[in-house]
């Protein structure tokens, strides 16, 4: 019977975690492990929450991408890396990024970021230095070299 009580405690803990924000299965598993829950209880909790659709990595990935693109847009490379860090499988990742392609124009986003950064660097007279800074900024944000060069060389 003690395992039943631990299972209830684990579910309650995860409900509390999910009330703050959506999480991936791996994130929940990791949090339960850190909290000291028995591996069998963790498995049962994950299974139960997946069955009732409280844990759904596919929905988590899509939601996380949408949120990320609204708050601080990045390129596909960064999205891919960050979702992998959250334990999203390659198959789920590809599907979520595939759906993103239908309404996400990486060039348009990069162009917008370049325009806002140009304002920040308006006092900079050296065009070579300006382009390097813009390139480095977009590269850190995960945009491809091709997209970056197009965005930097685009005339508004």
C-alpha atoms as a PDB file:
ATOM      1  CA  UNK A   1       0.000   0.000   0.000  1.00  0.00           C
ATOM      2  CA  UNK A   2       2.864   2.483   0.514  1.00  0.00           C
ATOM      3  CA  UNK A   3       3.471   2.479  -3.255  1.00  0.00           C
ATOM      4  CA  UNK A   4      -0.136   3.571  -3.839  1.00  0.00           C
ATOM      5  CA  UNK A   5       0.393   6.574  -1.562  1.00  0.00           C
ATOM      6  CA  UNK A   6       3.661   7.383  -3.325  1.00  0.00           C
ATOM      7  CA  UNK A   7       1.880   7.145  -6.682  1.00  0.00           C
ATOM      8  CA  UNK A   8      -0.722   9.658  -5.514  1.00  0.00           C
ATOM      9  CA  UNK A   9       2.022  11.974  -4.249  1.00  0.00           C
ATOM     10  CA  UNK A  10       3.885  11.677  -7.571  1.00  0.00           C
ATOM     11  CA  UNK A  11       0.741  12.495  -9.573  1.00  0.00           C
ATOM     12  CA  UNK A  12      -0.019  15.459  -7.331  1.00  0.00           C
ATOM     13  CA  UNK A  13       3.536  16.717  -7.743  1.00  0.00           C
ATOM     14  CA  UNK A  14       3.335  16.463 -11.543  1.00  0.00           C
ATOM     15  CA  UNK A  15      -0.076  18.167 -11.614  1.00  0.00           C
ATOM     16  CA  UNK A  16       1.509  21.019  -9.696  1.00  0.00           C
ATOM     17  CA  UNK A  17       4.454  21.172 -12.150  1.00  0.00           C
ATOM     18  CA  UNK A  18       2.118  21.159 -15.139  1.00  0.00           C
ATOM     19  CA  UNK A  19       0.005  23.924 -13.635  1.00  0.00           C
ATOM     20  CA  UNK A  20       2.970  26.283 -14.102  1.00  0.00           C
ATOM     21  CA  UNK A  21       3.811  25.305 -17.666  1.00  0.00           C
ATOM     22  CA  UNK A  22       3.671  22.429 -20.117  1.00  0.00           C
ATOM     23  CA  UNK A  23       6.598  20.017 -19.897  1.00  0.00           C
ATOM     24  CA  UNK A  24       8.077  17.184 -21.914  1.00  0.00           C
ATOM     25  CA  UNK A  25       7.943  13.602 -20.696  1.00  0.00           C
ATOM     26  CA  UNK A  26      11.682  13.623 -20.051  1.00  0.00           C
ATOM     27  CA  UNK A  27      11.467  16.816 -18.009  1.00  0.00           C
ATOM     28  CA  UNK A  28       8.754  15.297 -15.807  1.00  0.00           C
ATOM     29  CA  UNK A  29      10.675  12.034 -15.474  1.00  0.00           C
ATOM     30  CA  UNK A  30      13.785  13.965 -14.439  1.00  0.00           C
ATOM     31  CA  UNK A  31      11.880  16.062 -11.891  1.00  0.00           C
ATOM     32  CA  UNK A  32      10.327  12.961 -10.340  1.00  0.00           C
ATOM     33  CA  UNK A  33      13.755  11.311 -10.130  1.00  0.00           C
ATOM     34  CA  UNK A  34      15.260  14.389  -8.452  1.00  0.00           C
ATOM     35  CA  UNK A  35      12.376  14.471  -5.999  1.00  0.00           C
ATOM     36  CA  UNK A  36      13.302  10.908  -4.992  1.00  0.00           C
ATOM     37  CA  UNK A  37      10.347   8.949  -6.325  1.00  0.00           C
ATOM     38  CA  UNK A  38      10.738   5.223  -6.911  1.00  0.00           C
ATOM     39  CA  UNK A  39      11.446   4.369 -10.618  1.00  0.00           C
ATOM     40  CA  UNK A  40       8.377   2.087 -10.745  1.00  0.00           C
ATOM     41  CA  UNK A  41       6.180   4.895  -9.428  1.00  0.00           C
ATOM     42  CA  UNK A  42       7.733   7.289 -11.934  1.00  0.00           C
ATOM     43  CA  UNK A  43       6.969   4.893 -14.819  1.00  0.00           C
ATOM     44  CA  UNK A  44       3.362   4.411 -13.674  1.00  0.00           C
ATOM     45  CA  UNK A  45       2.877   8.157 -13.228  1.00  0.00           C
ATOM     46  CA  UNK A  46       4.286   8.912 -16.694  1.00  0.00           C
ATOM     47  CA  UNK A  47       2.163   6.165 -18.256  1.00  0.00           C
ATOM     48  CA  UNK A  48      -1.020   7.391 -16.565  1.00  0.00           C
ATOM     49  CA  UNK A  49      -0.430  11.044 -17.464  1.00  0.00           C
ATOM     50  CA  UNK A  50       0.362  10.105 -21.071  1.00  0.00           C
ATOM     51  CA  UNK A  51      -2.840   8.056 -21.322  1.00  0.00           C
ATOM     52  CA  UNK A  52      -4.969  11.000 -20.197  1.00  0.00           C
ATOM     53  CA  UNK A  53      -2.968  13.288 -22.526  1.00  0.00           C
ATOM     54  CA  UNK A  54      -1.464  15.472 -19.796  1.00  0.00           C
ATOM     55  CA  UNK A  55       1.952  14.486 -21.129  1.00  0.00           C
ATOM     56  CA  UNK A  56       2.162  14.627 -24.892  1.00  0.00           C
ATOM     57  CA  UNK A  57       5.565  15.369 -26.401  1.00  0.00           C
ATOM     58  CA  UNK A  58       4.068  16.104 -29.818  1.00  0.00           C
ATOM     59  CA  UNK A  59       1.776  18.808 -28.446  1.00  0.00           C
ATOM     60  CA  UNK A  60       4.516  20.065 -26.144  1.00  0.00           C
ATOM     61  CA  UNK A  61       6.943  20.510 -29.070  1.00  0.00           C
ATOM     62  CA  UNK A  62       4.394  22.371 -31.207  1.00  0.00           C
ATOM     63  CA  UNK A  63       3.350  24.613 -28.337  1.00  0.00           C
ATOM     64  CA  UNK A  64       6.935  25.287 -27.308  1.00  0.00           C
ATOM     65  CA  UNK A  65       7.917  26.246 -30.866  1.00  0.00           C
ATOM     66  CA  UNK A  66       4.936  28.620 -31.199  1.00  0.00           C
ATOM     67  CA  UNK A  67       5.771  30.254 -27.889  1.00  0.00           C
ATOM     68  CA  UNK A  68       9.459  30.581 -28.725  1.00  0.00           C
ATOM     69  CA  UNK A  69       8.760  32.124 -32.117  1.00  0.00           C
ATOM     70  CA  UNK A  70       6.474  34.737 -30.569  1.00  0.00           C
ATOM     71  CA  UNK A  71       8.766  35.731 -27.712  1.00  0.00           C
ATOM     72  CA  UNK A  72      12.244  35.557 -29.232  1.00  0.00           C
ATOM     73  CA  UNK A  73      12.445  34.187 -32.777  1.00  0.00           C
ATOM     74  CA  UNK A  74      15.313  31.871 -33.593  1.00  0.00           C
ATOM     75  CA  UNK A  75      16.394  29.685 -36.484  1.00  0.00           C
ATOM     76  CA  UNK A  76      15.714  26.009 -36.938  1.00  0.00           C
ATOM     77  CA  UNK A  77      19.117  24.960 -35.588  1.00  0.00           C
ATOM     78  CA  UNK A  78      18.431  26.531 -32.201  1.00  0.00           C
ATOM     79  CA  UNK A  79      14.882  25.145 -32.079  1.00  0.00           C
ATOM     80  CA  UNK A  80      16.207  21.680 -32.858  1.00  0.00           C
ATOM     81  CA  UNK A  81      18.924  21.916 -30.214  1.00  0.00           C
ATOM     82  CA  UNK A  82      16.628  23.253 -27.484  1.00  0.00           C
ATOM     83  CA  UNK A  83      13.948  20.639 -28.093  1.00  0.00           C
ATOM     84  CA  UNK A  84      16.535  17.862 -28.020  1.00  0.00           C
ATOM     85  CA  UNK A  85      17.682  19.215 -24.653  1.00  0.00           C
ATOM     86  CA  UNK A  86      14.105  18.819 -23.438  1.00  0.00           C
ATOM     87  CA  UNK A  87      14.109  15.162 -24.464  1.00  0.00           C
ATOM     88  CA  UNK A  88      12.033  15.392 -27.620  1.00  0.00           C
ATOM     89  CA  UNK A  89      12.740  12.473 -29.951  1.00  0.00           C
ATOM     90  CA  UNK A  90      13.998  13.046 -33.481  1.00  0.00           C
ATOM     91  CA  UNK A  91      10.753  11.761 -35.005  1.00  0.00           C
ATOM     92  CA  UNK A  92       8.566  14.117 -32.942  1.00  0.00           C
ATOM     93  CA  UNK A  93      11.013  16.946 -33.552  1.00  0.00           C
ATOM     94  CA  UNK A  94      10.907  16.501 -37.333  1.00  0.00           C
ATOM     95  CA  UNK A  95       7.133  16.401 -37.333  1.00  0.00           C
ATOM     96  CA  UNK A  96       6.846  19.579 -35.220  1.00  0.00           C
ATOM     97  CA  UNK A  97       9.400  21.437 -37.357  1.00  0.00           C
ATOM     98  CA  UNK A  98       7.634  20.193 -40.489  1.00  0.00           C
ATOM     99  CA  UNK A  99       4.393  21.761 -39.326  1.00  0.00           C
ATOM    100  CA  UNK A 100       6.287  24.943 -38.535  1.00  0.00           C
ATOM    101  CA  UNK A 101       7.449  25.199 -42.170  1.00  0.00           C
ATOM    102  CA  UNK A 102       3.939  25.785 -43.421  1.00  0.00           C
ATOM    103  CA  UNK A 103       3.604  29.125 -41.610  1.00  0.00           C
ATOM    104  CA  UNK A 104       7.154  30.130 -40.707  1.00  0.00           C
ATOM    105  CA  UNK A 105       9.309  32.055 -43.135  1.00  0.00           C
ATOM    106  CA  UNK A 106      12.849  31.995 -41.739  1.00  0.00           C
ATOM    107  CA  UNK A 107      13.997  34.684 -44.175  1.00  0.00           C
ATOM    108  CA  UNK A 108      11.214  37.064 -43.107  1.00  0.00           C
ATOM    109  CA  UNK A 109      12.069  36.540 -39.426  1.00  0.00           C
ATOM    110  CA  UNK A 110      15.790  37.070 -40.058  1.00  0.00           C
ATOM    111  CA  UNK A 111      15.043  40.207 -42.104  1.00  0.00           C
ATOM    112  CA  UNK A 112      12.970  41.592 -39.225  1.00  0.00           C
ATOM    113  CA  UNK A 113      15.756  40.885 -36.728  1.00  0.00           C
ATOM    114  CA  UNK A 114      18.309  42.558 -39.036  1.00  0.00           C
ATOM    115  CA  UNK A 115      16.114  45.665 -39.285  1.00  0.00           C
ATOM    116  CA  UNK A 116      15.817  45.956 -35.509  1.00  0.00           C
ATOM    117  CA  UNK A 117      19.558  45.383 -35.029  1.00  0.00           C
ATOM    118  CA  UNK A 118      20.483  47.964 -37.659  1.00  0.00           C
ATOM    119  CA  UNK A 119      18.785  50.572 -35.471  1.00  0.00           C
ATOM    120  CA  UNK A 120      20.999  49.544 -32.583  1.00  0.00           C
ATOM    121  CA  UNK A 121      24.115  49.887 -34.727  1.00  0.00           C
ATOM    122  CA  UNK A 122      23.103  53.069 -36.574  1.00  0.00           C
ATOM    123  CA  UNK A 123      26.192  54.956 -35.336  1.00  0.00           C
ATOM    124  CA  UNK A 124      28.500  52.335 -36.824  1.00  0.00           C
ATOM    125  CA  UNK A 125      29.985  53.687 -40.079  1.00  0.00           C
ATOM    126  CA  UNK A 126      32.119  50.683 -41.081  1.00  0.00           C
ATOM    127  CA  UNK A 127      29.805  48.521 -43.265  1.00  0.00           C
ATOM    128  CA  UNK A 128      32.075  45.492 -42.994  1.00  0.00           C
ATOM    129  CA  UNK A 129      31.947  45.606 -39.194  1.00  0.00           C
ATOM    130  CA  UNK A 130      28.170  46.129 -39.274  1.00  0.00           C
ATOM    131  CA  UNK A 131      27.623  43.109 -41.506  1.00  0.00           C
ATOM    132  CA  UNK A 132      29.892  40.978 -39.325  1.00  0.00           C
ATOM    133  CA  UNK A 133      27.955  41.933 -36.194  1.00  0.00           C
ATOM    134  CA  UNK A 134      24.636  41.237 -37.880  1.00  0.00           C
ATOM    135  CA  UNK A 135      25.934  37.926 -39.227  1.00  0.00           C
ATOM    136  CA  UNK A 136      27.249  36.849 -35.810  1.00  0.00           C
ATOM    137  CA  UNK A 137      24.003  37.856 -34.109  1.00  0.00           C
ATOM    138  CA  UNK A 138      21.840  35.817 -36.487  1.00  0.00           C
ATOM    139  CA  UNK A 139      24.260  32.889 -36.417  1.00  0.00           C
ATOM    140  CA  UNK A 140      23.989  32.724 -32.611  1.00  0.00           C
ATOM    141  CA  UNK A 141      20.233  32.660 -33.033  1.00  0.00           C
ATOM    142  CA  UNK A 142      20.478  29.557 -35.215  1.00  0.00           C
ATOM    143  CA  UNK A 143      19.874  30.886 -38.716  1.00  0.00           C
ATOM    144  CA  UNK A 144      21.581  29.283 -41.695  1.00  0.00           C
ATOM    145  CA  UNK A 145      24.400  31.148 -43.454  1.00  0.00           C
ATOM    146  CA  UNK A 146      22.354  31.385 -46.638  1.00  0.00           C
ATOM    147  CA  UNK A 147      19.380  32.964 -44.847  1.00  0.00           C
ATOM    148  CA  UNK A 148      21.650  35.345 -42.936  1.00  0.00           C
ATOM    149  CA  UNK A 149      23.395  36.596 -46.067  1.00  0.00           C
ATOM    150  CA  UNK A 150      20.073  37.107 -47.844  1.00  0.00           C
ATOM    151  CA  UNK A 151      18.664  39.024 -44.870  1.00  0.00           C
ATOM    152  CA  UNK A 152      21.759  41.215 -44.441  1.00  0.00           C
ATOM    153  CA  UNK A 153      22.001  42.051 -48.156  1.00  0.00           C
ATOM    154  CA  UNK A 154      18.266  42.660 -48.573  1.00  0.00           C
ATOM    155  CA  UNK A 155      17.443  46.280 -49.324  1.00  0.00           C
ATOM    156  CA  UNK A 156      14.339  47.461 -47.404  1.00  0.00           C
END
